[in-house]
Amino acid sequence: MKPITVDIKEIVKQVFVDISSKTISEQQKLGDVFDKVLKANNISGVKISGFKDKHLFVNVDSSARLYQINLIKNKILTELKSELADIEKISFKIGKVN
């Protein structure tokens, strides 16, 4: 039996190219949908800080805004889910928005 020669560097390189291009387009779509939902609800002073395991993490610029957003959190989540089935949970916290 003859061993198969595989250039592992090329395989790894191709895997990273596939992952990064998919990730960038998914991030762009998430950002676009998120901005649309925020504008529809007249919300500012927030920024996506992360997304992991269908959980969206969002930073808010003040405690007053955090309170305001938590009042309509379920509405925001429903609107996001209607366009992005990948989101199951959303969390807001005070943090950097710049």
PDB file of N, CA and C in Angstrom:
ATOM      1  N   MET A   1       0.840  -1.168   0.000  1.00  0.00           N
ATOM      2  CA  MET A   1       0.000   0.000   0.000  1.00  0.00           C
ATOM      3  C   MET A   1       0.888   1.235   0.000  1.00  0.00           C
ATOM      4  N   LYS A   2       0.637   2.101  -0.943  1.00  0.00           N
ATOM      5  CA  LYS A   2       1.441   3.306  -1.096  1.00  0.00           C
ATOM      6  C   LYS A   2       0.857   4.426  -0.233  1.00  0.00           C
ATOM      7  N   PRO A   3       1.702   5.114   0.570  1.00  0.00           N
ATOM      8  CA  PRO A   3       1.188   6.203   1.414  1.00  0.00           C
ATOM      9  C   PRO A   3       0.736   7.395   0.568  1.00  0.00           C
ATOM     10  N   ILE A   4      -0.308   8.029   1.022  1.00  0.00           N
ATOM     11  CA  ILE A   4      -0.821   9.209   0.340  1.00  0.00           C
ATOM     12  C   ILE A   4      -0.064  10.419   0.853  1.00  0.00           C
ATOM     13  N   THR A   5       0.458  11.193  -0.066  1.00  0.00           N
ATOM     14  CA  THR A   5       1.168  12.399   0.353  1.00  0.00           C
ATOM     15  C   THR A   5       0.204  13.582   0.263  1.00  0.00           C
ATOM     16  N   VAL A   6       0.095  14.276   1.356  1.00  0.00           N
ATOM     17  CA  VAL A   6      -0.795  15.420   1.437  1.00  0.00           C
ATOM     18  C   VAL A   6      -0.004  16.590   1.984  1.00  0.00           C
ATOM     19  N   ASP A   7      -0.167  17.723   1.346  1.00  0.00           N
ATOM     20  CA  ASP A   7       0.495  18.919   1.835  1.00  0.00           C
ATOM     21  C   ASP A   7      -0.407  19.546   2.901  1.00  0.00           C
ATOM     22  N   ILE A   8      -0.101  19.265   4.143  1.00  0.00           N
ATOM     23  CA  ILE A   8      -0.925  19.710   5.268  1.00  0.00           C
ATOM     24  C   ILE A   8      -1.020  21.231   5.324  1.00  0.00           C
ATOM     25  N   LYS A   9       0.030  21.915   4.923  1.00  0.00           N
ATOM     26  CA  LYS A   9       0.006  23.380   4.927  1.00  0.00           C
ATOM     27  C   LYS A   9      -1.093  23.907   4.007  1.00  0.00           C
ATOM     28  N   GLU A  10      -1.236  23.308   2.850  1.00  0.00           N
ATOM     29  CA  GLU A  10      -2.265  23.751   1.901  1.00  0.00           C
ATOM     30  C   GLU A  10      -3.668  23.453   2.421  1.00  0.00           C
ATOM     31  N   ILE A  11      -3.838  22.331   3.066  1.00  0.00           N
ATOM     32  CA  ILE A  11      -5.148  21.970   3.623  1.00  0.00           C
ATOM     33  C   ILE A  11      -5.531  22.965   4.718  1.00  0.00           C
ATOM     34  N   VAL A  12      -4.621  23.230   5.635  1.00  0.00           N
ATOM     35  CA  VAL A  12      -4.885  24.162   6.728  1.00  0.00           C
ATOM     36  C   VAL A  12      -5.164  25.556   6.174  1.00  0.00           C
ATOM     37  N   LYS A  13      -4.372  25.972   5.200  1.00  0.00           N
ATOM     38  CA  LYS A  13      -4.565  27.283   4.586  1.00  0.00           C
ATOM     39  C   LYS A  13      -5.966  27.391   3.971  1.00  0.00           C
ATOM     40  N   GLN A  14      -6.392  26.365   3.250  1.00  0.00           N
ATOM     41  CA  GLN A  14      -7.700  26.389   2.615  1.00  0.00           C
ATOM     42  C   GLN A  14      -8.833  26.393   3.646  1.00  0.00           C
ATOM     43  N   VAL A  15      -8.663  25.654   4.730  1.00  0.00           N
ATOM     44  CA  VAL A  15      -9.663  25.630   5.794  1.00  0.00           C
ATOM     45  C   VAL A  15      -9.820  27.025   6.396  1.00  0.00           C
ATOM     46  N   PHE A  16      -8.715  27.695   6.669  1.00  0.00           N
ATOM     47  CA  PHE A  16      -8.781  29.045   7.229  1.00  0.00           C
ATOM     48  C   PHE A  16      -9.407  30.040   6.255  1.00  0.00           C
ATOM     49  N   VAL A  17      -9.113  29.912   4.983  1.00  0.00           N
ATOM     50  CA  VAL A  17      -9.718  30.794   3.981  1.00  0.00           C
ATOM     51  C   VAL A  17     -11.230  30.581   3.954  1.00  0.00           C
ATOM     52  N   ASP A  18     -11.672  29.331   3.968  1.00  0.00           N
ATOM     53  CA  ASP A  18     -13.105  29.030   3.955  1.00  0.00           C
ATOM     54  C   ASP A  18     -13.797  29.569   5.201  1.00  0.00           C
ATOM     55  N   ILE A  19     -13.199  29.360   6.349  1.00  0.00           N
ATOM     56  CA  ILE A  19     -13.794  29.811   7.610  1.00  0.00           C
ATOM     57  C   ILE A  19     -13.843  31.334   7.662  1.00  0.00           C
ATOM     58  N   SER A  20     -12.765  32.004   7.325  1.00  0.00           N
ATOM     59  CA  SER A  20     -12.728  33.459   7.458  1.00  0.00           C
ATOM     60  C   SER A  20     -13.674  34.137   6.480  1.00  0.00           C
ATOM     61  N   SER A  21     -13.800  33.642   5.264  1.00  0.00           N
ATOM     62  CA  SER A  21     -14.718  34.289   4.324  1.00  0.00           C
ATOM     63  C   SER A  21     -16.165  34.095   4.761  1.00  0.00           C
ATOM     64  N   LYS A  22     -16.476  32.930   5.280  1.00  0.00           N
ATOM     65  CA  LYS A  22     -17.830  32.674   5.775  1.00  0.00           C
ATOM     66  C   LYS A  22     -18.111  33.547   7.001  1.00  0.00           C
ATOM     67  N   THR A  23     -17.146  33.629   7.886  1.00  0.00           N
ATOM     68  CA  THR A  23     -17.310  34.407   9.112  1.00  0.00           C
ATOM     69  C   THR A  23     -17.513  35.887   8.804  1.00  0.00           C
ATOM     70  N   ILE A  24     -16.756  36.427   7.882  1.00  0.00           N
ATOM     71  CA  ILE A  24     -16.867  37.848   7.545  1.00  0.00           C
ATOM     72  C   ILE A  24     -18.246  38.145   6.968  1.00  0.00           C
ATOM     73  N   SER A  25     -18.735  37.310   6.070  1.00  0.00           N
ATOM     74  CA  SER A  25     -20.053  37.575   5.491  1.00  0.00           C
ATOM     75  C   SER A  25     -21.157  37.416   6.528  1.00  0.00           C
ATOM     76  N   GLU A  26     -21.017  36.447   7.426  1.00  0.00           N
ATOM     77  CA  GLU A  26     -22.003  36.267   8.497  1.00  0.00           C
ATOM     78  C   GLU A  26     -21.987  37.452   9.455  1.00  0.00           C
ATOM     79  N   GLN A  27     -20.804  37.947   9.783  1.00  0.00           N
ATOM     80  CA  GLN A  27     -20.694  39.104  10.674  1.00  0.00           C
ATOM     81  C   GLN A  27     -21.320  40.334  10.038  1.00  0.00           C
ATOM     82  N   GLN A  28     -21.103  40.504   8.741  1.00  0.00           N
ATOM     83  CA  GLN A  28     -21.673  41.652   8.037  1.00  0.00           C
ATOM     84  C   GLN A  28     -23.187  41.577   8.051  1.00  0.00           C
ATOM     85  N   LYS A  29     -23.738  40.399   7.786  1.00  0.00           N
ATOM     86  CA  LYS A  29     -25.191  40.242   7.779  1.00  0.00           C
ATOM     87  C   LYS A  29     -25.763  40.492   9.178  1.00  0.00           C
ATOM     88  N   LEU A  30     -25.121  39.947  10.195  1.00  0.00           N
ATOM     89  CA  LEU A  30     -25.565  40.159  11.570  1.00  0.00           C
ATOM     90  C   LEU A  30     -25.551  41.646  11.904  1.00  0.00           C
ATOM     91  N   GLY A  31     -24.482  42.332  11.551  1.00  0.00           N
ATOM     92  CA  GLY A  31     -24.378  43.766  11.810  1.00  0.00           C
ATOM     93  C   GLY A  31     -25.457  44.562  11.095  1.00  0.00           C
ATOM     94  N   ASP A  32     -25.723  44.203   9.843  1.00  0.00           N
ATOM     95  CA  ASP A  32     -26.747  44.906   9.069  1.00  0.00           C
ATOM     96  C   ASP A  32     -28.135  44.708   9.672  1.00  0.00           C
ATOM     97  N   VAL A  33     -28.467  43.468  10.011  1.00  0.00           N
ATOM     98  CA  VAL A  33     -29.779  43.168  10.599  1.00  0.00           C
ATOM     99  C   VAL A  33     -29.911  43.842  11.965  1.00  0.00           C
ATOM    100  N   PHE A  34     -28.851  43.782  12.765  1.00  0.00           N
ATOM    101  CA  PHE A  34     -28.864  44.398  14.088  1.00  0.00           C
ATOM    102  C   PHE A  34     -29.101  45.908  13.977  1.00  0.00           C
ATOM    103  N   ASP A  35     -28.392  46.559  13.060  1.00  0.00           N
ATOM    104  CA  ASP A  35     -28.576  48.007  12.852  1.00  0.00           C
ATOM    105  C   ASP A  35     -30.006  48.325  12.426  1.00  0.00           C
ATOM    106  N   LYS A  36     -30.551  47.508  11.548  1.00  0.00           N
ATOM    107  CA  LYS A  36     -31.931  47.710  11.078  1.00  0.00           C
ATOM    108  C   LYS A  36     -32.932  47.621  12.235  1.00  0.00           C
ATOM    109  N   VAL A  37     -32.752  46.617  13.093  1.00  0.00           N
ATOM    110  CA  VAL A  37     -33.648  46.433  14.248  1.00  0.00           C
ATOM    111  C   VAL A  37     -33.500  47.599  15.220  1.00  0.00           C
ATOM    112  N   LEU A  38     -32.281  48.058  15.449  1.00  0.00           N
ATOM    113  CA  LEU A  38     -32.055  49.189  16.352  1.00  0.00           C
ATOM    114  C   LEU A  38     -32.712  50.459  15.835  1.00  0.00           C
ATOM    115  N   LYS A  39     -32.554  50.714  14.548  1.00  0.00           N
ATOM    116  CA  LYS A  39     -33.165  51.913  13.972  1.00  0.00           C
ATOM    117  C   LYS A  39     -34.683  51.842  14.051  1.00  0.00           C
ATOM    118  N   ALA A  40     -35.244  50.661  13.813  1.00  0.00           N
ATOM    119  CA  ALA A  40     -36.700  50.494  13.871  1.00  0.00           C
ATOM    120  C   ALA A  40     -37.235  50.741  15.280  1.00  0.00           C
ATOM    121  N   ASN A  41     -36.407  50.493  16.291  1.00  0.00           N
ATOM    122  CA  ASN A  41     -36.810  50.681  17.683  1.00  0.00           C
ATOM    123  C   ASN A  41     -36.236  51.959  18.290  1.00  0.00           C
ATOM    124  N   ASN A  42     -35.633  52.808  17.446  1.00  0.00           N
ATOM    125  CA  ASN A  42     -35.081  54.092  17.879  1.00  0.00           C
ATOM    126  C   ASN A  42     -34.076  53.940  19.032  1.00  0.00           C
ATOM    127  N   ILE A  43     -33.129  53.025  18.842  1.00  0.00           N
ATOM    128  CA  ILE A  43     -32.128  52.743  19.874  1.00  0.00           C
ATOM    129  C   ILE A  43     -30.742  53.118  19.347  1.00  0.00           C
ATOM    130  N   SER A  44     -29.958  53.788  20.191  1.00  0.00           N
ATOM    131  CA  SER A  44     -28.574  54.104  19.859  1.00  0.00           C
ATOM    132  C   SER A  44     -27.712  53.789  21.078  1.00  0.00           C
ATOM    133  N   GLY A  45     -26.409  53.979  20.943  1.00  0.00           N
ATOM    134  CA  GLY A  45     -25.508  53.766  22.073  1.00  0.00           C
ATOM    135  C   GLY A  45     -25.261  52.301  22.398  1.00  0.00           C
ATOM    136  N   VAL A  46     -25.323  51.434  21.374  1.00  0.00           N
ATOM    137  CA  VAL A  46     -25.074  50.011  21.575  1.00  0.00           C
ATOM    138  C   VAL A  46     -24.132  49.501  20.491  1.00  0.00           C
ATOM    139  N   LYS A  47     -23.462  48.389  20.798  1.00  0.00           N
ATOM    140  CA  LYS A  47     -22.541  47.789  19.837  1.00  0.00           C
ATOM    141  C   LYS A  47     -22.428  46.295  20.125  1.00  0.00           C
ATOM    142  N   ILE A  48     -22.437  45.496  19.083  1.00  0.00           N
ATOM    143  CA  ILE A  48     -22.249  44.057  19.240  1.00  0.00           C
ATOM    144  C   ILE A  48     -20.839  43.817  19.756  1.00  0.00           C
ATOM    145  N   SER A  49     -20.727  43.023  20.820  1.00  0.00           N
ATOM    146  CA  SER A  49     -19.400  42.722  21.353  1.00  0.00           C
ATOM    147  C   SER A  49     -18.987  41.282  21.075  1.00  0.00           C
ATOM    148  N   GLY A  50     -19.942  40.433  20.724  1.00  0.00           N
ATOM    149  CA  GLY A  50     -19.586  39.061  20.413  1.00  0.00           C
ATOM    150  C   GLY A  50     -20.794  38.206  20.052  1.00  0.00           C
ATOM    151  N   PHE A  51     -20.495  37.039  19.507  1.00  0.00           N
ATOM    152  CA  PHE A  51     -21.529  36.079  19.140  1.00  0.00           C
ATOM    153  C   PHE A  51     -20.928  34.694  19.275  1.00  0.00           C
ATOM    154  N   LYS A  52     -21.546  33.878  20.129  1.00  0.00           N
ATOM    155  CA  LYS A  52     -21.023  32.530  20.356  1.00  0.00           C
ATOM    156  C   LYS A  52     -22.166  31.599  20.723  1.00  0.00           C
ATOM    157  N   ASP A  53     -22.180  30.441  20.099  1.00  0.00           N
ATOM    158  CA  ASP A  53     -23.180  29.413  20.391  1.00  0.00           C
ATOM    159  C   ASP A  53     -24.610  29.966  20.372  1.00  0.00           C
ATOM    160  N   LYS A  54     -24.937  30.698  19.300  1.00  0.00           N
ATOM    161  CA  LYS A  54     -26.270  31.263  19.097  1.00  0.00           C
ATOM    162  C   LYS A  54     -26.661  32.308  20.144  1.00  0.00           C
ATOM    163  N   HIS A  55     -25.667  32.873  20.826  1.00  0.00           N
ATOM    164  CA  HIS A  55     -25.874  33.872  21.876  1.00  0.00           C
ATOM    165  C   HIS A  55     -25.190  35.164  21.437  1.00  0.00           C
ATOM    166  N   LEU A  56     -25.984  36.223  21.293  1.00  0.00           N
ATOM    167  CA  LEU A  56     -25.469  37.526  20.886  1.00  0.00           C
ATOM    168  C   LEU A  56     -25.186  38.372  22.122  1.00  0.00           C
ATOM    169  N   PHE A  57     -23.986  38.942  22.191  1.00  0.00           N
ATOM    170  CA  PHE A  57     -23.573  39.786  23.308  1.00  0.00           C
ATOM    171  C   PHE A  57     -23.475  41.228  22.806  1.00  0.00           C
ATOM    172  N   VAL A  58     -24.100  42.152  23.549  1.00  0.00           N
ATOM    173  CA  VAL A  58     -24.163  43.538  23.118  1.00  0.00           C
ATOM    174  C   VAL A  58     -23.750  44.459  24.258  1.00  0.00           C
ATOM    175  N   ASN A  59     -22.860  45.403  23.955  1.00  0.00           N
ATOM    176  CA  ASN A  59     -22.471  46.428  24.922  1.00  0.00           C
ATOM    177  C   ASN A  59     -23.401  47.628  24.796  1.00  0.00           C
ATOM    178  N   VAL A  60     -23.700  48.237  25.932  1.00  0.00           N
ATOM    179  CA  VAL A  60     -24.569  49.404  26.018  1.00  0.00           C
ATOM    180  C   VAL A  60     -23.783  50.500  26.725  1.00  0.00           C
ATOM    181  N   ASP A  61     -23.987  51.756  26.320  1.00  0.00           N
ATOM    182  CA  ASP A  61     -23.150  52.837  26.834  1.00  0.00           C
ATOM    183  C   ASP A  61     -23.520  53.376  28.211  1.00  0.00           C
ATOM    184  N   SER A  62     -24.713  53.053  28.746  1.00  0.00           N
ATOM    185  CA  SER A  62     -25.077  53.589  30.061  1.00  0.00           C
ATOM    186  C   SER A  62     -26.089  52.685  30.757  1.00  0.00           C
ATOM    187  N   SER A  63     -26.189  52.856  32.053  1.00  0.00           N
ATOM    188  CA  SER A  63     -27.152  52.056  32.813  1.00  0.00           C
ATOM    189  C   SER A  63     -28.592  52.430  32.460  1.00  0.00           C
ATOM    190  N   ALA A  64     -28.820  53.697  32.147  1.00  0.00           N
ATOM    191  CA  ALA A  64     -30.165  54.125  31.750  1.00  0.00           C
ATOM    192  C   ALA A  64     -30.580  53.454  30.446  1.00  0.00           C
ATOM    193  N   ARG A  65     -29.659  53.392  29.490  1.00  0.00           N
ATOM    194  CA  ARG A  65     -29.959  52.741  28.217  1.00  0.00           C
ATOM    195  C   ARG A  65     -30.119  51.233  28.403  1.00  0.00           C
ATOM    196  N   LEU A  66     -29.326  50.663  29.282  1.00  0.00           N
ATOM    197  CA  LEU A  66     -29.454  49.235  29.574  1.00  0.00           C
ATOM    198  C   LEU A  66     -30.848  48.924  30.107  1.00  0.00           C
ATOM    199  N   TYR A  67     -31.341  49.744  30.994  1.00  0.00           N
ATOM    200  CA  TYR A  67     -32.692  49.578  31.528  1.00  0.00           C
ATOM    201  C   TYR A  67     -33.734  49.686  30.410  1.00  0.00           C
ATOM    202  N   GLN A  68     -33.585  50.712  29.572  1.00  0.00           N
ATOM    203  CA  GLN A  68     -34.515  50.939  28.465  1.00  0.00           C
ATOM    204  C   GLN A  68     -34.538  49.736  27.509  1.00  0.00           C
ATOM    205  N   ILE A  69     -33.372  49.236  27.168  1.00  0.00           N
ATOM    206  CA  ILE A  69     -33.284  48.123  26.217  1.00  0.00           C
ATOM    207  C   ILE A  69     -33.824  46.835  26.832  1.00  0.00           C
ATOM    208  N   ASN A  70     -33.559  46.614  28.099  1.00  0.00           N
ATOM    209  CA  ASN A  70     -34.074  45.402  28.741  1.00  0.00           C
ATOM    210  C   ASN A  70     -35.600  45.364  28.761  1.00  0.00           C
ATOM    211  N   LEU A  71     -36.241  46.524  28.728  1.00  0.00           N
ATOM    212  CA  LEU A  71     -37.706  46.575  28.675  1.00  0.00           C
ATOM    213  C   LEU A  71     -38.243  46.004  27.362  1.00  0.00           C
ATOM    214  N   ILE A  72     -37.469  46.177  26.281  1.00  0.00           N
ATOM    215  CA  ILE A  72     -37.921  45.670  24.983  1.00  0.00           C
ATOM    216  C   ILE A  72     -37.017  44.563  24.435  1.00  0.00           C
ATOM    217  N   LYS A  73     -36.285  43.923  25.319  1.00  0.00           N
ATOM    218  CA  LYS A  73     -35.339  42.866  24.935  1.00  0.00           C
ATOM    219  C   LYS A  73     -36.018  41.758  24.125  1.00  0.00           C
ATOM    220  N   ASN A  74     -37.182  41.295  24.578  1.00  0.00           N
ATOM    221  CA  ASN A  74     -37.861  40.208  23.872  1.00  0.00           C
ATOM    222  C   ASN A  74     -38.297  40.632  22.477  1.00  0.00           C
ATOM    223  N   LYS A  75     -38.720  41.877  22.331  1.00  0.00           N
ATOM    224  CA  LYS A  75     -39.107  42.391  21.019  1.00  0.00           C
ATOM    225  C   LYS A  75     -37.896  42.420  20.085  1.00  0.00           C
ATOM    226  N   ILE A  76     -36.775  42.897  20.589  1.00  0.00           N
ATOM    227  CA  ILE A  76     -35.547  42.948  19.793  1.00  0.00           C
ATOM    228  C   ILE A  76     -35.137  41.543  19.374  1.00  0.00           C
ATOM    229  N   LEU A  77     -35.165  40.613  20.312  1.00  0.00           N
ATOM    230  CA  LEU A  77     -34.776  39.232  20.020  1.00  0.00           C
ATOM    231  C   LEU A  77     -35.705  38.616  18.971  1.00  0.00           C
ATOM    232  N   THR A  78     -36.987  38.843  19.085  1.00  0.00           N
ATOM    233  CA  THR A  78     -37.955  38.321  18.115  1.00  0.00           C
ATOM    234  C   THR A  78     -37.678  38.868  16.717  1.00  0.00           C
ATOM    235  N   GLU A  79     -37.411  40.169  16.632  1.00  0.00           N
ATOM    236  CA  GLU A  79     -37.117  40.780  15.343  1.00  0.00           C
ATOM    237  C   GLU A  79     -35.815  40.244  14.746  1.00  0.00           C
ATOM    238  N   LEU A  80     -34.808  40.040  15.590  1.00  0.00           N
ATOM    239  CA  LEU A  80     -33.548  39.472  15.100  1.00  0.00           C
ATOM    240  C   LEU A  80     -33.747  38.035  14.628  1.00  0.00           C
ATOM    241  N   LYS A  81     -34.500  37.255  15.398  1.00  0.00           N
ATOM    242  CA  LYS A  81     -34.750  35.854  15.034  1.00  0.00           C
ATOM    243  C   LYS A  81     -35.515  35.735  13.717  1.00  0.00           C
ATOM    244  N   SER A  82     -36.373  36.700  13.434  1.00  0.00           N
ATOM    245  CA  SER A  82     -37.156  36.636  12.198  1.00  0.00           C
ATOM    246  C   SER A  82     -36.267  36.722  10.957  1.00  0.00           C
ATOM    247  N   GLU A  83     -35.101  37.344  11.093  1.00  0.00           N
ATOM    248  CA  GLU A  83     -34.188  37.464   9.956  1.00  0.00           C
ATOM    249  C   GLU A  83     -32.944  36.603  10.081  1.00  0.00           C
ATOM    250  N   LEU A  84     -32.587  36.238  11.311  1.00  0.00           N
ATOM    251  CA  LEU A  84     -31.404  35.415  11.545  1.00  0.00           C
ATOM    252  C   LEU A  84     -31.752  34.272  12.502  1.00  0.00           C
ATOM    253  N   ALA A  85     -31.984  33.117  11.964  1.00  0.00           N
ATOM    254  CA  ALA A  85     -32.384  31.978  12.787  1.00  0.00           C
ATOM    255  C   ALA A  85     -31.268  31.515  13.727  1.00  0.00           C
ATOM    256  N   ASP A  86     -30.046  31.984  13.501  1.00  0.00           N
ATOM    257  CA  ASP A  86     -28.906  31.558  14.322  1.00  0.00           C
ATOM    258  C   ASP A  86     -28.916  32.143  15.725  1.00  0.00           C
ATOM    259  N   ILE A  87     -29.743  33.132  15.982  1.00  0.00           N
ATOM    260  CA  ILE A  87     -29.751  33.789  17.287  1.00  0.00           C
ATOM    261  C   ILE A  87     -30.856  33.198  18.161  1.00  0.00           C
ATOM    262  N   GLU A  88     -30.464  32.730  19.336  1.00  0.00           N
ATOM    263  CA  GLU A  88     -31.440  32.187  20.280  1.00  0.00           C
ATOM    264  C   GLU A  88     -31.514  32.994  21.570  1.00  0.00           C
ATOM    265  N   LYS A  89     -30.447  33.747  21.852  1.00  0.00           N
ATOM    266  CA  LYS A  89     -30.380  34.481  23.109  1.00  0.00           C
ATOM    267  C   LYS A  89     -29.613  35.776  22.877  1.00  0.00           C
ATOM    268  N   ILE A  90     -29.981  36.799  23.655  1.00  0.00           N
ATOM    269  CA  ILE A  90     -29.271  38.076  23.554  1.00  0.00           C
ATOM    270  C   ILE A  90     -29.035  38.601  24.971  1.00  0.00           C
ATOM    271  N   SER A  91     -27.821  39.111  25.190  1.00  0.00           N
ATOM    272  CA  SER A  91     -27.466  39.670  26.500  1.00  0.00           C
ATOM    273  C   SER A  91     -26.893  41.064  26.315  1.00  0.00           C
ATOM    274  N   PHE A  92     -27.320  41.972  27.174  1.00  0.00           N
ATOM    275  CA  PHE A  92     -26.821  43.347  27.160  1.00  0.00           C
ATOM    276  C   PHE A  92     -26.034  43.608  28.430  1.00  0.00           C
ATOM    277  N   LYS A  93     -24.950  44.380  28.302  1.00  0.00           N
ATOM    278  CA  LYS A  93     -24.185  44.790  29.481  1.00  0.00           C
ATOM    279  C   LYS A  93     -23.552  46.143  29.191  1.00  0.00           C
ATOM    280  N   ILE A  94     -23.233  46.851  30.246  1.00  0.00           N
ATOM    281  CA  ILE A  94     -22.567  48.140  30.085  1.00  0.00           C
ATOM    282  C   ILE A  94     -21.127  47.885  29.673  1.00  0.00           C
ATOM    283  N   GLY A  95     -20.693  48.590  28.632  1.00  0.00           N
ATOM    284  CA  GLY A  95     -19.335  48.399  28.135  1.00  0.00           C
ATOM    285  C   GLY A  95     -19.000  49.425  27.082  1.00  0.00           C
ATOM    286  N   LYS A  96     -17.824  49.240  26.452  1.00  0.00           N
ATOM    287  CA  LYS A  96     -17.349  50.166  25.415  1.00  0.00           C
ATOM    288  C   LYS A  96     -18.227  50.063  24.174  1.00  0.00           C
ATOM    289  N   VAL A  97     -18.596  51.220  23.641  1.00  0.00           N
ATOM    290  CA  VAL A  97     -19.435  51.258  22.447  1.00  0.00           C
ATOM    291  C   VAL A  97     -18.700  51.927  21.285  1.00  0.00           C
ATOM    292  N   ASN A  98     -17.596  52.615  21.555  1.00  0.00           N
ATOM    293  CA  ASN A  98     -16.847  53.355  20.517  1.00  0.00           C
ATOM    294  C   ASN A  98     -16.469  52.483  19.383  1.00  0.00           C
TER     295      ASN A  98
END
